[in-house]
Amino acid sequence: MTGTTIPPENQGADQLVYATFDVLYTLWFPFLELPIPPRAQADISAISKGVQASFWQSVSAGSNALLSILQGITYPQHLPFIGALKSSTNPVIQKFITVPGGMGGLTTDEASQVLSFFFEGTAGPLSTEMAMVIREAYLTVIWDLPLGVPLTGIQVPETFVSNTDIYSNINYPKIPPSRLFYDPATQRILAREGMIDYLVIGSGPAGATVAHELQQAGKKVVLVEQGPFVVWGSMNTMSYPKLMFGKDAVSTSDNGILVRSGQAMGGGTTVNIDLAFSPLEDTIHSRISDWIDKGFIDGRFYTTDRLAAAYQWVRNIIHTRPVTQCELNRDNRALWDGANAYGVDPSLYHLNRFQQDLSPSPVTQKRDAARQLILPAMEDSINPLSVIPDVAVQELLFDTKNDGTVYASGASLLVNAPWTEFHNTIVDPCGFQIPPGTQVKIYAENVILSAGTIGSTKILLNTAQKQPALKNPRIGKGLIMHPSFPLIGVFNERINLLEGLDSATYLDAFGVTPGFIFETMSGMPAYGAVLIPGNGLDVFRQITKFNQSVGFGVMLVDTPSDDNCITLNNGSVVLNYSLSEADKARFRTGVAIAIRMMFLAGAKQVIIPTNENVLGLDNFDPMRGCYLDDIQQADLVEQNLQFIPNRTVLTSAHLQATNKMGASADTSVASTRQRIWNMLTKEEISNLYLMDSSMFPTSVGANPMQSLYTFAKIFSQRLLDDMDAPGDLYFRSIQSDRLARGPVTGPVRAGAGI
């Protein structure tokens, strides 16, 4: 037992809860047991104490999930599964529920045994979830940069440019005088002249494309975004928590899948790693064809020629570029080599980014939707796009025509406090000076929902509580998540997976059927530590091999189910999701193939993110690391892996399909013309549109970013021409987009990858 006391700066906190916090920190970072050279121990100890103090300060500052768990296991008599604990014959469990301070009254070894009991699920799934939340929270904090850098031997990554504020001032966009103004008396945002033609809600690939195209056509367009607007080039925005939904700490309702979704100007394109899957790639195109066959979308607008023309426009305006063979680092080559050895052909990505030596920014190469589409439109001196960041749409507004027809009239917005920590965001570009926390209204002739699967679903569900026309039971149903299972391969050589391209190769040979794709991946030590099963000492031994490790993963093309859905709980989004047995079977096959390819690529050890007893070992302990060292063990994993929530780590970044398109109000949320159905009349609401990933009828089959750009281009043309009659093809020149399958060596043909 640690016998520790609360630091002076936290004297107001519960000392027993702090003792629990402390014993768990020691469990996950057992400093005295770690093989740290004596000369470095004082330095590492000092860093660790600082990390622990900062962690406790954050946890104890206010109500949060981890603090609730720490309180629960400090006073276990109040746990909802206390009955199962009392009935256990395990002496450590009996000590846990009777000793003063609960977990804080145990040794670290005893605490580990309690977590093992929790993970096994004897006390029910809630205990397993609590154990995983503890594990994820501690390992993520411990292996972040202060400790992760010296102990893994990586270099501190550059996130921000030097003199961020000066750089941002130099590169601040040239914004013309706003055509909008704020009337405090009525709390309305109004156009200085006439009406706003289109209000576009959400600035991801779809919303940015629509806003750009309508602005280019001379329409008066306002684009609103809940997140901040970063000055391009001032930072590396990829996966930065402040730019993510829920600060990158979101999971499904059972904590079974970690969810990553952008919440910033540019949406997902601002935080992702730019992987560009063409809508003509077989995995995607086969699904689009199926949607056409089933009448979910109007096939006249999605012929191969039209998709090719629209996608060529996307490639031209985003400057999507192919990866070349010489850009592959050792991490990228693992999947490439493993796939070739397995007998299937890998491919090279297209990326939405500059080449590393050609970017105008020293810290980022991204060509996101904000830079490529939104900025040029808002800097137009003749017809500027009006952009409003840092506002959250609360609900849509409606009015009724003389004939009783319901139509959308605008939206109610809540003004957020802007993120200004590094003085590199574009704050209040329209000059409204509205105090944060103010609720305002904005009106427009047409409203286009492009807030993404989470955002648009939340807005529709919120609005439906007051507007009967939107009470559609299909809203939020059939959530697609593209769950991903990452693997780590440990090699007998230095890999340096953080050097060079973070992702360059993929394998889609199984994309159409059975329905999974393999993608290279990388991540920081804090991410890798969560994937490594075992206790603190096990994780240390493996994560300190970080520079000998490679990563790739298998992404499942999952099947829609109404049980998988987005709901609201007191206004907060809840992601309800579980894998079907059929999807688990396909996923197991994909994981086994991934393991085999990792070994065939030369890995000496393969680590999979699960503490399930996949090898069928006797006396298995979920708190002890179990790693694969033989290719034949892939067979056992395929037989035994169950994807138990909170025992196997899955991630998701491609949420889709909660507000499906279709031909009927009884089966869909939006029509084939992408208009939201009026549930009172079963007719379309003529001026309320949906254009984002939530409209897909099923999974699109791969990373949806390029498909969203493409669909949004086609949708924009429909708005400007005729929703019912396809016009001439005049998107831009059409070029072949067939995938190039190249040898391991030699030049890559133009148009390679996607």
Foldseek 3Di string as FASTA:
>chain_A
DPPDADPPVPVVDDRLLVLLLVQLLCFQCVLVPAPDPPVCSVVLVVLSVVLSVVLVCVLPVDDDDLSVLSVCQQQVVPPPLVVLLVPDPPVLSVCQNPPHSRNSVDHSVSNQVQLLVLCVQSSHLVSLLSSLVSQLSSLLSCCPDSNVCVLQVDDDAFFFDPLLQVVLVVQPFQFAADQWEADVVAQAIAGVDDFQAEEEEAAALQSLLLLQLCLVVVGRYEYEFQAFAFRPQRGQQALQQSQWVVSQQDAFPSQQARETWGRYRHTPLSHHQFFDDQCPPPLQVVQVVVCCVAFLAPVVCVDPQNSLLLLVLVCVQLVWAWDKLVQDALQQCLLQQLCVLVPAFKFWTTGSFDDQVPAPHPRGGHSGSCNRGQSVQSNDNPRHHHYAYNKAFQEWDWDADPVGAIFTFWTKIAHADHDCPSNRTDHPSNPHPDDHRDIHIYTHPFYEYARALQRVLLHLQSHVVPAVQSPFPLRFFFKWFQKKWKKKFFAPDFRPCVPGRQWIMKGCPCLNPPHKIKTWGDDRLSVVLQQFFAISNSSSVPSSSVRRMHMMIMTGQAWTDRQQGWDDDVSDIHTGDDGDPVSLLVVLVVVLSVLSSSVSSHGQKMGTRFLFPLQPDPPRRRNHTDIDRDNVSSVSNSVRPDSPRSGHYIYGHAIAASAEGRPWSNNGQAYSLQFGGRVVVRHGNPRYGYQYRNHHNGRSRDRCSSVSSSVSNSSSVCVVPPSPDDDDSDSDDRDDQDEWRDDSDDITDGNHHD
